[in-house]
């Protein structure tokens, strides 16, 4: 992310017999493949996956203010559809899924307003509803879900870079403060493996390689092996028990918590920032963002 305002999957579905389309070959491992582009090019968006469908929410760019736009991608047909708009347009927001509901968290609204606002989307009814706000308005935070709780980690509140951590319980519609990160940062990535929340990379005045792991049982953070490449404005996906960090330039790096080590993987097709990502089955999808000269609708898929 550039700090706002301070300068800073295809299948043939039992189509007819004689003229059925040939199945699309499965790409080899450790490769990126282009998929159908989003209908709306945008950057600084968020994403979440429910029932093998990826939802791309919010964002902006190209002279358009914070969007309420919601578009859904089905890898089975490699197609996008437009869904009900969010209640509040926002950029630099976070997205997380709990119990088949997609949550839009924080961000920046029109008028440079930093939000604590939270909305929940039900894909069955195609309806957004307001939920309890965070205690801390902020943008560019990391989001992770552990044992039915949604964690908002770090970020930027318009004045300060934060180490703040809050946890949301959908059952009670309440937020609870948790132990802060050791390293305050914005524009970080987050992912969850085996009940542990990992916060990676980010910005504290300089790009960071920092990796910290949060254990909700002990409410404590532990420093882990840093990324090979310090970077921010990244996206994260969890595949095969590993944390995959993509973007900022075009690097792809994977962290294995079993060995506390990193390895380089196939780079993205092009440098890219301010995009969103989600994992469906064994594929990581990266959508939208900015390549340094254009706002993107591009969708790329990675198989480890």
C-alpha atoms as a PDB file:
ATOM      1  CA  UNK A   1       0.000   0.000   0.000  1.00  0.00           C
ATOM      2  CA  UNK A   2       0.907   3.599  -0.446  1.00  0.00           C
ATOM      3  CA  UNK A   3      -0.120   5.265   2.772  1.00  0.00           C
ATOM      4  CA  UNK A   4      -3.302   7.181   1.949  1.00  0.00           C
ATOM      5  CA  UNK A   5      -3.111  10.928   2.215  1.00  0.00           C
ATOM      6  CA  UNK A   6       0.326  11.249   3.770  1.00  0.00           C
ATOM      7  CA  UNK A   7       2.438  10.532   0.705  1.00  0.00           C
ATOM      8  CA  UNK A   8       3.349   7.817   1.992  1.00  0.00           C
ATOM      9  CA  UNK A   9     -10.429 -22.383 -11.812  1.00  0.00           C
ATOM     10  CA  UNK A  10     -12.121 -24.098 -15.316  1.00  0.00           C
ATOM     11  CA  UNK A  11     -14.264 -27.271 -15.688  1.00  0.00           C
ATOM     12  CA  UNK A  12     -16.588 -28.683 -18.346  1.00  0.00           C
ATOM     13  CA  UNK A  13     -19.991 -29.100 -16.708  1.00  0.00           C
ATOM     14  CA  UNK A  14     -21.692 -32.115 -18.371  1.00  0.00           C
ATOM     15  CA  UNK A  15     -22.235 -30.177 -21.571  1.00  0.00           C
ATOM     16  CA  UNK A  16     -23.561 -32.235 -24.528  1.00  0.00           C
ATOM     17  CA  UNK A  17     -21.958 -35.457 -25.596  1.00  0.00           C
ATOM     18  CA  UNK A  18     -20.626 -35.013 -29.118  1.00  0.00           C
ATOM     19  CA  UNK A  19     -19.791 -31.308 -28.942  1.00  0.00           C
ATOM     20  CA  UNK A  20     -18.621 -31.049 -25.340  1.00  0.00           C
ATOM     21  CA  UNK A  21     -15.683 -28.719 -24.820  1.00  0.00           C
ATOM     22  CA  UNK A  22     -12.399 -30.447 -24.171  1.00  0.00           C
ATOM     23  CA  UNK A  23     -11.279 -30.219 -20.544  1.00  0.00           C
ATOM     24  CA  UNK A  24      -8.768 -27.493 -19.807  1.00  0.00           C
ATOM     25  CA  UNK A  25      -5.378 -29.033 -18.980  1.00  0.00           C
ATOM     26  CA  UNK A  26      -4.225 -28.658 -15.394  1.00  0.00           C
ATOM     27  CA  UNK A  27      -1.178 -26.373 -15.275  1.00  0.00           C
ATOM     28  CA  UNK A  28       2.067 -27.857 -13.950  1.00  0.00           C
ATOM     29  CA  UNK A  29       3.053 -27.237 -10.364  1.00  0.00           C
ATOM     30  CA  UNK A  30       4.753 -24.019  -9.219  1.00  0.00           C
ATOM     31  CA  UNK A  31       3.276 -21.961 -12.045  1.00  0.00           C
ATOM     32  CA  UNK A  32       1.101 -18.871 -12.490  1.00  0.00           C
ATOM     33  CA  UNK A  33      -1.774 -18.927 -15.013  1.00  0.00           C
ATOM     34  CA  UNK A  34      -3.938 -16.058 -16.282  1.00  0.00           C
ATOM     35  CA  UNK A  35      -7.672 -16.329 -15.558  1.00  0.00           C
ATOM     36  CA  UNK A  36     -10.721 -14.245 -16.492  1.00  0.00           C
ATOM     37  CA  UNK A  37     -10.277 -10.582 -15.543  1.00  0.00           C
ATOM     38  CA  UNK A  38     -12.566  -8.827 -13.085  1.00  0.00           C
ATOM     39  CA  UNK A  39     -15.300  -6.713 -14.644  1.00  0.00           C
ATOM     40  CA  UNK A  40     -14.060  -3.682 -12.653  1.00  0.00           C
ATOM     41  CA  UNK A  41     -10.386  -2.735 -12.557  1.00  0.00           C
ATOM     42  CA  UNK A  42      -9.436  -1.600  -9.045  1.00  0.00           C
ATOM     43  CA  UNK A  43      -6.687  -1.437  -6.460  1.00  0.00           C
ATOM     44  CA  UNK A  44      -6.587  -1.435  -2.648  1.00  0.00           C
ATOM     45  CA  UNK A  45      -9.431  -3.955  -2.496  1.00  0.00           C
ATOM     46  CA  UNK A  46     -10.010  -6.989  -0.265  1.00  0.00           C
ATOM     47  CA  UNK A  47     -11.155 -10.545  -0.934  1.00  0.00           C
ATOM     48  CA  UNK A  48     -12.642 -13.586   0.762  1.00  0.00           C
ATOM     49  CA  UNK A  49     -13.608 -17.121  -0.257  1.00  0.00           C
ATOM     50  CA  UNK A  50     -16.934 -18.785   0.555  1.00  0.00           C
ATOM     51  CA  UNK A  51     -17.953 -22.173  -0.855  1.00  0.00           C
ATOM     52  CA  UNK A  52     -15.214 -22.112  -3.513  1.00  0.00           C
ATOM     53  CA  UNK A  53     -16.195 -18.663  -4.797  1.00  0.00           C
ATOM     54  CA  UNK A  54     -13.880 -15.668  -4.458  1.00  0.00           C
ATOM     55  CA  UNK A  55     -15.474 -12.314  -3.607  1.00  0.00           C
ATOM     56  CA  UNK A  56     -13.547  -9.134  -4.495  1.00  0.00           C
ATOM     57  CA  UNK A  57     -14.829  -6.176  -2.473  1.00  0.00           C
ATOM     58  CA  UNK A  58     -14.267  -2.428  -2.405  1.00  0.00           C
ATOM     59  CA  UNK A  59     -11.154  -0.706  -3.694  1.00  0.00           C
ATOM     60  CA  UNK A  60     -10.761   2.266  -6.009  1.00  0.00           C
ATOM     61  CA  UNK A  61      -8.435   3.925  -8.478  1.00  0.00           C
ATOM     62  CA  UNK A  62      -8.484   5.563 -11.905  1.00  0.00           C
ATOM     63  CA  UNK A  63     -10.047   8.710 -10.507  1.00  0.00           C
ATOM     64  CA  UNK A  64     -12.886   6.825  -8.838  1.00  0.00           C
ATOM     65  CA  UNK A  65     -13.295   7.186  -5.088  1.00  0.00           C
ATOM     66  CA  UNK A  66     -13.756   4.332  -2.648  1.00  0.00           C
ATOM     67  CA  UNK A  67     -16.057   1.767  -4.218  1.00  0.00           C
ATOM     68  CA  UNK A  68     -18.876  -0.348  -2.817  1.00  0.00           C
ATOM     69  CA  UNK A  69     -18.301  -2.829  -5.661  1.00  0.00           C
ATOM     70  CA  UNK A  70     -18.607  -6.577  -5.030  1.00  0.00           C
ATOM     71  CA  UNK A  71     -17.795  -9.104  -7.756  1.00  0.00           C
ATOM     72  CA  UNK A  72     -17.658 -12.878  -7.400  1.00  0.00           C
ATOM     73  CA  UNK A  73     -15.402 -15.300  -9.280  1.00  0.00           C
ATOM     74  CA  UNK A  74     -16.268 -18.968  -9.812  1.00  0.00           C
ATOM     75  CA  UNK A  75     -13.203 -20.994 -10.822  1.00  0.00           C
ATOM     76  CA  UNK A  76     -15.423 -23.852 -12.036  1.00  0.00           C
ATOM     77  CA  UNK A  77     -16.639 -21.643 -14.908  1.00  0.00           C
ATOM     78  CA  UNK A  78     -13.842 -19.040 -14.936  1.00  0.00           C
ATOM     79  CA  UNK A  79     -16.478 -16.304 -14.801  1.00  0.00           C
ATOM     80  CA  UNK A  80     -17.379 -13.255 -12.724  1.00  0.00           C
ATOM     81  CA  UNK A  81     -20.783 -11.971 -11.584  1.00  0.00           C
ATOM     82  CA  UNK A  82     -21.729  -8.743  -9.813  1.00  0.00           C
ATOM     83  CA  UNK A  83     -23.221  -9.100  -6.335  1.00  0.00           C
ATOM     84  CA  UNK A  84     -24.879  -6.710  -3.879  1.00  0.00           C
ATOM     85  CA  UNK A  85     -22.807  -3.623  -3.116  1.00  0.00           C
ATOM     86  CA  UNK A  86     -21.346  -2.929   0.316  1.00  0.00           C
ATOM     87  CA  UNK A  87     -23.094  -0.345   2.467  1.00  0.00           C
ATOM     88  CA  UNK A  88     -19.934   1.786   2.657  1.00  0.00           C
ATOM     89  CA  UNK A  89     -17.463   2.457  -0.138  1.00  0.00           C
ATOM     90  CA  UNK A  90     -13.886   1.985   1.036  1.00  0.00           C
ATOM     91  CA  UNK A  91     -10.281   1.421   0.014  1.00  0.00           C
ATOM     92  CA  UNK A  92      -7.435  -0.147   2.025  1.00  0.00           C
ATOM     93  CA  UNK A  93      -9.958  -2.384   3.812  1.00  0.00           C
ATOM     94  CA  UNK A  94      -9.517  -5.860   5.242  1.00  0.00           C
ATOM     95  CA  UNK A  95     -11.574  -8.938   4.431  1.00  0.00           C
ATOM     96  CA  UNK A  96     -12.132 -12.172   6.338  1.00  0.00           C
ATOM     97  CA  UNK A  97     -14.573 -15.091   6.324  1.00  0.00           C
ATOM     98  CA  UNK A  98     -16.184 -16.603   9.428  1.00  0.00           C
ATOM     99  CA  UNK A  99     -18.974 -19.186   9.270  1.00  0.00           C
ATOM    100  CA  UNK A 100     -19.701 -18.516   5.583  1.00  0.00           C
ATOM    101  CA  UNK A 101     -20.008 -14.764   6.094  1.00  0.00           C
ATOM    102  CA  UNK A 102     -17.610 -12.304   4.478  1.00  0.00           C
ATOM    103  CA  UNK A 103     -16.577  -9.392   6.707  1.00  0.00           C
ATOM    104  CA  UNK A 104     -15.400  -6.030   5.376  1.00  0.00           C
ATOM    105  CA  UNK A 105     -13.264  -4.377   8.034  1.00  0.00           C
ATOM    106  CA  UNK A 106     -12.022  -0.792   8.367  1.00  0.00           C
ATOM    107  CA  UNK A 107     -10.467   1.057   5.452  1.00  0.00           C
ATOM    108  CA  UNK A 108     -10.707   4.635   4.193  1.00  0.00           C
ATOM    109  CA  UNK A 109     -13.972   6.188   2.983  1.00  0.00           C
ATOM    110  CA  UNK A 110     -14.577   9.260   0.832  1.00  0.00           C
ATOM    111  CA  UNK A 111     -13.376  12.412   2.555  1.00  0.00           C
ATOM    112  CA  UNK A 112     -10.263  10.664   3.884  1.00  0.00           C
ATOM    113  CA  UNK A 113     -12.235   9.180   6.775  1.00  0.00           C
ATOM    114  CA  UNK A 114     -10.535   6.265   8.494  1.00  0.00           C
ATOM    115  CA  UNK A 115     -13.113   3.630   9.361  1.00  0.00           C
ATOM    116  CA  UNK A 116     -13.733   1.302  12.258  1.00  0.00           C
ATOM    117  CA  UNK A 117     -16.840   0.171  10.352  1.00  0.00           C
ATOM    118  CA  UNK A 118     -17.566  -3.529   9.871  1.00  0.00           C
ATOM    119  CA  UNK A 119     -20.095  -5.107   7.494  1.00  0.00           C
ATOM    120  CA  UNK A 120     -21.019  -8.759   6.985  1.00  0.00           C
ATOM    121  CA  UNK A 121     -22.134 -10.319   3.701  1.00  0.00           C
ATOM    122  CA  UNK A 122     -24.309 -13.400   3.339  1.00  0.00           C
ATOM    123  CA  UNK A 123     -23.890 -14.861  -0.179  1.00  0.00           C
ATOM    124  CA  UNK A 124     -27.080 -16.907   0.159  1.00  0.00           C
ATOM    125  CA  UNK A 125     -29.291 -13.831   0.597  1.00  0.00           C
ATOM    126  CA  UNK A 126     -26.903 -11.459  -1.224  1.00  0.00           C
ATOM    127  CA  UNK A 127     -27.285  -8.932   1.609  1.00  0.00           C
ATOM    128  CA  UNK A 128     -24.814  -6.821   3.601  1.00  0.00           C
ATOM    129  CA  UNK A 129     -25.532  -5.857   7.220  1.00  0.00           C
ATOM    130  CA  UNK A 130     -23.697  -3.540   9.621  1.00  0.00           C
ATOM    131  CA  UNK A 131     -21.934  -5.162  12.553  1.00  0.00           C
ATOM    132  CA  UNK A 132     -20.114  -3.844  15.626  1.00  0.00           C
ATOM    133  CA  UNK A 133     -17.290  -1.456  14.805  1.00  0.00           C
ATOM    134  CA  UNK A 134     -13.678  -1.927  15.883  1.00  0.00           C
ATOM    135  CA  UNK A 135     -12.416   0.167  18.775  1.00  0.00           C
ATOM    136  CA  UNK A 136      -9.642   1.486  16.521  1.00  0.00           C
ATOM    137  CA  UNK A 137     -10.385   3.097  13.147  1.00  0.00           C
ATOM    138  CA  UNK A 138      -7.696   1.948  10.718  1.00  0.00           C
ATOM    139  CA  UNK A 139      -6.745   0.823   7.246  1.00  0.00           C
ATOM    140  CA  UNK A 140      -4.174  -1.533   5.684  1.00  0.00           C
ATOM    141  CA  UNK A 141      -4.368  -3.993   8.556  1.00  0.00           C
ATOM    142  CA  UNK A 142      -3.858  -7.737   8.329  1.00  0.00           C
ATOM    143  CA  UNK A 143      -6.876 -10.021   8.811  1.00  0.00           C
ATOM    144  CA  UNK A 144      -6.861 -13.620  10.001  1.00  0.00           C
ATOM    145  CA  UNK A 145      -9.497 -16.025  11.316  1.00  0.00           C
ATOM    146  CA  UNK A 146      -8.721 -18.471  14.124  1.00  0.00           C
ATOM    147  CA  UNK A 147     -11.290 -20.748  15.767  1.00  0.00           C
ATOM    148  CA  UNK A 148     -14.260 -18.646  14.713  1.00  0.00           C
ATOM    149  CA  UNK A 149     -12.759 -15.303  15.708  1.00  0.00           C
ATOM    150  CA  UNK A 150     -11.654 -12.629  13.234  1.00  0.00           C
ATOM    151  CA  UNK A 151      -8.424 -10.827  14.127  1.00  0.00           C
ATOM    152  CA  UNK A 152      -7.520  -7.340  12.865  1.00  0.00           C
ATOM    153  CA  UNK A 153      -3.766  -6.783  13.160  1.00  0.00           C
ATOM    154  CA  UNK A 154      -1.729  -3.592  12.836  1.00  0.00           C
ATOM    155  CA  UNK A 155      -2.517  -0.983  10.192  1.00  0.00           C
ATOM    156  CA  UNK A 156      -2.553   2.796   9.971  1.00  0.00           C
ATOM    157  CA  UNK A 157      -5.078   5.177  11.564  1.00  0.00           C
ATOM    158  CA  UNK A 158      -4.271   8.331   9.585  1.00  0.00           C
ATOM    159  CA  UNK A 159      -1.643   9.440  12.095  1.00  0.00           C
ATOM    160  CA  UNK A 160       0.215   6.430  13.468  1.00  0.00           C
ATOM    161  CA  UNK A 161       1.418   3.012  12.374  1.00  0.00           C
ATOM    162  CA  UNK A 162      -0.141   0.475  14.730  1.00  0.00           C
ATOM    163  CA  UNK A 163       0.713  -2.768  16.478  1.00  0.00           C
ATOM    164  CA  UNK A 164      -2.877  -2.971  17.736  1.00  0.00           C
ATOM    165  CA  UNK A 165      -4.705  -6.306  17.655  1.00  0.00           C
ATOM    166  CA  UNK A 166      -8.448  -6.767  18.127  1.00  0.00           C
ATOM    167  CA  UNK A 167     -10.548  -9.932  17.863  1.00  0.00           C
ATOM    168  CA  UNK A 168     -14.156 -10.039  16.685  1.00  0.00           C
ATOM    169  CA  UNK A 169     -16.628 -12.680  17.845  1.00  0.00           C
ATOM    170  CA  UNK A 170     -19.574 -12.946  15.417  1.00  0.00           C
ATOM    171  CA  UNK A 171     -21.607 -14.918  17.985  1.00  0.00           C
ATOM    172  CA  UNK A 172     -21.657 -11.957  20.383  1.00  0.00           C
ATOM    173  CA  UNK A 173     -20.995  -9.169  17.841  1.00  0.00           C
ATOM    174  CA  UNK A 174     -18.197  -7.824  20.035  1.00  0.00           C
ATOM    175  CA  UNK A 175     -14.529  -6.847  19.682  1.00  0.00           C
ATOM    176  CA  UNK A 176     -11.883  -7.634  22.305  1.00  0.00           C
ATOM    177  CA  UNK A 177      -8.357  -6.169  22.539  1.00  0.00           C
ATOM    178  CA  UNK A 178      -5.517  -8.672  22.334  1.00  0.00           C
ATOM    179  CA  UNK A 179      -1.752  -8.538  22.847  1.00  0.00           C
ATOM    180  CA  UNK A 180      -0.181  -6.108  20.346  1.00  0.00           C
ATOM    181  CA  UNK A 181       2.507  -7.116  17.886  1.00  0.00           C
ATOM    182  CA  UNK A 182       6.104  -6.475  18.898  1.00  0.00           C
ATOM    183  CA  UNK A 183       6.637  -4.619  15.602  1.00  0.00           C
ATOM    184  CA  UNK A 184       3.956  -2.031  14.733  1.00  0.00           C
ATOM    185  CA  UNK A 185       3.359  -1.956  10.981  1.00  0.00           C
ATOM    186  CA  UNK A 186       0.924  -1.223   8.195  1.00  0.00           C
ATOM    187  CA  UNK A 187       0.375  -2.812   4.770  1.00  0.00           C
ATOM    188  CA  UNK A 188       1.238  -6.236   6.163  1.00  0.00           C
ATOM    189  CA  UNK A 189      -0.064  -9.683   5.265  1.00  0.00           C
ATOM    190  CA  UNK A 190      -1.664 -12.281   7.513  1.00  0.00           C
ATOM    191  CA  UNK A 191      -2.424 -15.996   7.367  1.00  0.00           C
ATOM    192  CA  UNK A 192      -3.426 -18.802   9.724  1.00  0.00           C
ATOM    193  CA  UNK A 193      -1.836 -22.258   9.983  1.00  0.00           C
ATOM    194  CA  UNK A 194      -2.819 -24.815  12.628  1.00  0.00           C
ATOM    195  CA  UNK A 195      -4.468 -22.252  14.882  1.00  0.00           C
ATOM    196  CA  UNK A 196      -1.550 -19.800  14.771  1.00  0.00           C
ATOM    197  CA  UNK A 197      -1.903 -16.352  13.187  1.00  0.00           C
ATOM    198  CA  UNK A 198       1.126 -15.136  11.219  1.00  0.00           C
ATOM    199  CA  UNK A 199       1.743 -11.433  10.523  1.00  0.00           C
ATOM    200  CA  UNK A 200       4.326 -10.881   7.795  1.00  0.00           C
ATOM    201  CA  UNK A 201       6.087  -7.979   6.133  1.00  0.00           C
ATOM    202  CA  UNK A 202       4.630  -4.486   6.120  1.00  0.00           C
ATOM    203  CA  UNK A 203       5.910  -0.950   6.529  1.00  0.00           C
ATOM    204  CA  UNK A 204       7.084   1.081   9.514  1.00  0.00           C
ATOM    205  CA  UNK A 205       8.913   3.774   7.567  1.00  0.00           C
ATOM    206  CA  UNK A 206      10.796   1.135   5.593  1.00  0.00           C
ATOM    207  CA  UNK A 207       9.752  -2.180   4.010  1.00  0.00           C
ATOM    208  CA  UNK A 208       9.893  -5.041   6.519  1.00  0.00           C
ATOM    209  CA  UNK A 209      10.813  -8.728   6.335  1.00  0.00           C
ATOM    210  CA  UNK A 210       9.457  -9.300   9.845  1.00  0.00           C
ATOM    211  CA  UNK A 211       7.412 -12.409  10.649  1.00  0.00           C
ATOM    212  CA  UNK A 212       5.584 -12.767  13.949  1.00  0.00           C
ATOM    213  CA  UNK A 213       3.324 -15.608  15.100  1.00  0.00           C
ATOM    214  CA  UNK A 214       0.370 -15.126  17.458  1.00  0.00           C
ATOM    215  CA  UNK A 215      -0.954 -17.917  19.680  1.00  0.00           C
ATOM    216  CA  UNK A 216      -4.514 -17.111  20.789  1.00  0.00           C
ATOM    217  CA  UNK A 217      -4.301 -19.678  23.601  1.00  0.00           C
ATOM    218  CA  UNK A 218      -1.490 -17.768  25.319  1.00  0.00           C
ATOM    219  CA  UNK A 219      -2.353 -14.364  23.812  1.00  0.00           C
ATOM    220  CA  UNK A 220       1.303 -13.887  22.913  1.00  0.00           C
ATOM    221  CA  UNK A 221       3.501 -13.155  19.879  1.00  0.00           C
ATOM    222  CA  UNK A 222       6.747 -14.893  18.884  1.00  0.00           C
ATOM    223  CA  UNK A 223       9.268 -13.676  16.309  1.00  0.00           C
ATOM    224  CA  UNK A 224       9.999 -16.145  13.519  1.00  0.00           C
ATOM    225  CA  UNK A 225      12.479 -16.316  10.616  1.00  0.00           C
ATOM    226  CA  UNK A 226      12.209 -13.163   8.470  1.00  0.00           C
ATOM    227  CA  UNK A 227      11.226 -13.249   4.796  1.00  0.00           C
ATOM    228  CA  UNK A 228      14.107 -13.273   2.327  1.00  0.00           C
ATOM    229  CA  UNK A 229      12.625 -10.142   0.712  1.00  0.00           C
ATOM    230  CA  UNK A 230      11.572  -7.156   2.823  1.00  0.00           C
ATOM    231  CA  UNK A 231       8.295  -5.841   1.364  1.00  0.00           C
ATOM    232  CA  UNK A 232       4.901  -4.319   1.983  1.00  0.00           C
ATOM    233  CA  UNK A 233       1.580  -3.977   0.166  1.00  0.00           C
ATOM    234  CA  UNK A 234       1.523  -7.770  -0.129  1.00  0.00           C
ATOM    235  CA  UNK A 235      -1.041 -10.552  -0.128  1.00  0.00           C
ATOM    236  CA  UNK A 236      -0.904 -13.901   1.642  1.00  0.00           C
ATOM    237  CA  UNK A 237      -2.431 -17.329   1.081  1.00  0.00           C
ATOM    238  CA  UNK A 238      -2.078 -20.632   2.922  1.00  0.00           C
ATOM    239  CA  UNK A 239      -1.483 -23.746   0.811  1.00  0.00           C
ATOM    240  CA  UNK A 240      -0.294 -27.179   1.929  1.00  0.00           C
ATOM    241  CA  UNK A 241       0.404 -25.913   5.434  1.00  0.00           C
ATOM    242  CA  UNK A 242       2.704 -23.160   4.192  1.00  0.00           C
ATOM    243  CA  UNK A 243       2.365 -19.386   4.141  1.00  0.00           C
ATOM    244  CA  UNK A 244       2.726 -17.979   0.612  1.00  0.00           C
ATOM    245  CA  UNK A 245       3.569 -14.267   0.384  1.00  0.00           C
ATOM    246  CA  UNK A 246       3.112 -12.656  -3.018  1.00  0.00           C
ATOM    247  CA  UNK A 247       3.467  -9.212  -4.522  1.00  0.00           C
ATOM    248  CA  UNK A 248       5.052  -5.853  -3.778  1.00  0.00           C
ATOM    249  CA  UNK A 249       7.477  -6.634  -6.588  1.00  0.00           C
ATOM    250  CA  UNK A 250       6.726  -9.976  -8.236  1.00  0.00           C
ATOM    251  CA  UNK A 251       8.287 -12.285  -5.677  1.00  0.00           C
ATOM    252  CA  UNK A 252       6.608 -15.422  -4.353  1.00  0.00           C
ATOM    253  CA  UNK A 253       8.060 -16.792  -1.121  1.00  0.00           C
ATOM    254  CA  UNK A 254       6.773 -19.651   1.026  1.00  0.00           C
ATOM    255  CA  UNK A 255       7.204 -20.089   4.777  1.00  0.00           C
ATOM    256  CA  UNK A 256       7.130 -23.538   6.376  1.00  0.00           C
ATOM    257  CA  UNK A 257       6.309 -23.291  10.115  1.00  0.00           C
ATOM    258  CA  UNK A 258       7.508 -26.865  10.671  1.00  0.00           C
ATOM    259  CA  UNK A 259      11.085 -25.838   9.822  1.00  0.00           C
ATOM    260  CA  UNK A 260      10.812 -22.074  10.443  1.00  0.00           C
ATOM    261  CA  UNK A 261      12.313 -21.509   6.997  1.00  0.00           C
ATOM    262  CA  UNK A 262      11.542 -19.776   3.697  1.00  0.00           C
ATOM    263  CA  UNK A 263      11.982 -20.770   0.070  1.00  0.00           C
ATOM    264  CA  UNK A 264      11.572 -18.857  -3.177  1.00  0.00           C
ATOM    265  CA  UNK A 265       8.872 -20.012  -5.576  1.00  0.00           C
ATOM    266  CA  UNK A 266       7.837 -19.056  -9.121  1.00  0.00           C
ATOM    267  CA  UNK A 267       7.496 -15.256  -9.336  1.00  0.00           C
ATOM    268  CA  UNK A 268       4.268 -13.568 -10.358  1.00  0.00           C
ATOM    269  CA  UNK A 269       4.000 -12.822 -14.098  1.00  0.00           C
ATOM    270  CA  UNK A 270       4.626  -9.118 -13.410  1.00  0.00           C
ATOM    271  CA  UNK A 271       5.323  -6.795 -10.481  1.00  0.00           C
ATOM    272  CA  UNK A 272       2.116  -5.933  -8.677  1.00  0.00           C
ATOM    273  CA  UNK A 273       0.913  -4.109  -5.561  1.00  0.00           C
ATOM    274  CA  UNK A 274      -2.379  -3.191  -3.883  1.00  0.00           C
ATOM    275  CA  UNK A 275      -4.144  -6.403  -4.960  1.00  0.00           C
ATOM    276  CA  UNK A 276      -6.177  -9.006  -3.088  1.00  0.00           C
ATOM    277  CA  UNK A 277      -5.815 -12.771  -2.871  1.00  0.00           C
ATOM    278  CA  UNK A 278      -7.781 -15.839  -1.884  1.00  0.00           C
ATOM    279  CA  UNK A 279      -7.243 -19.602  -1.852  1.00  0.00           C
ATOM    280  CA  UNK A 280      -9.705 -22.053  -3.412  1.00  0.00           C
ATOM    281  CA  UNK A 281      -8.853 -25.720  -3.003  1.00  0.00           C
ATOM    282  CA  UNK A 282      -5.122 -25.870  -3.852  1.00  0.00           C
ATOM    283  CA  UNK A 283      -4.895 -22.676  -5.899  1.00  0.00           C
ATOM    284  CA  UNK A 284      -4.058 -19.118  -4.843  1.00  0.00           C
ATOM    285  CA  UNK A 285      -5.822 -16.384  -6.837  1.00  0.00           C
ATOM    286  CA  UNK A 286      -4.432 -12.834  -7.063  1.00  0.00           C
ATOM    287  CA  UNK A 287      -6.798 -10.171  -8.376  1.00  0.00           C
ATOM    288  CA  UNK A 288      -6.701  -6.475  -9.235  1.00  0.00           C
ATOM    289  CA  UNK A 289      -4.044  -4.090  -7.968  1.00  0.00           C
ATOM    290  CA  UNK A 290      -1.535  -1.819  -9.648  1.00  0.00           C
ATOM    291  CA  UNK A 291       1.462  -2.608 -11.849  1.00  0.00           C
ATOM    292  CA  UNK A 292       3.103   0.795 -11.401  1.00  0.00           C
ATOM    293  CA  UNK A 293       1.415   2.403 -14.386  1.00  0.00           C
ATOM    294  CA  UNK A 294      -2.140   1.014 -14.527  1.00  0.00           C
ATOM    295  CA  UNK A 295      -4.984  -0.065 -12.280  1.00  0.00           C
ATOM    296  CA  UNK A 296      -5.609  -3.766 -12.940  1.00  0.00           C
ATOM    297  CA  UNK A 297      -8.541  -6.095 -13.440  1.00  0.00           C
ATOM    298  CA  UNK A 298      -6.078  -8.966 -13.923  1.00  0.00           C
ATOM    299  CA  UNK A 299      -6.594 -12.339 -12.254  1.00  0.00           C
ATOM    300  CA  UNK A 300      -3.685 -14.776 -11.917  1.00  0.00           C
ATOM    301  CA  UNK A 301      -3.757 -18.239 -10.359  1.00  0.00           C
ATOM    302  CA  UNK A 302      -0.841 -20.014  -8.670  1.00  0.00           C
ATOM    303  CA  UNK A 303      -0.466 -23.764  -8.059  1.00  0.00           C
ATOM    304  CA  UNK A 304       2.353 -24.618  -5.618  1.00  0.00           C
END
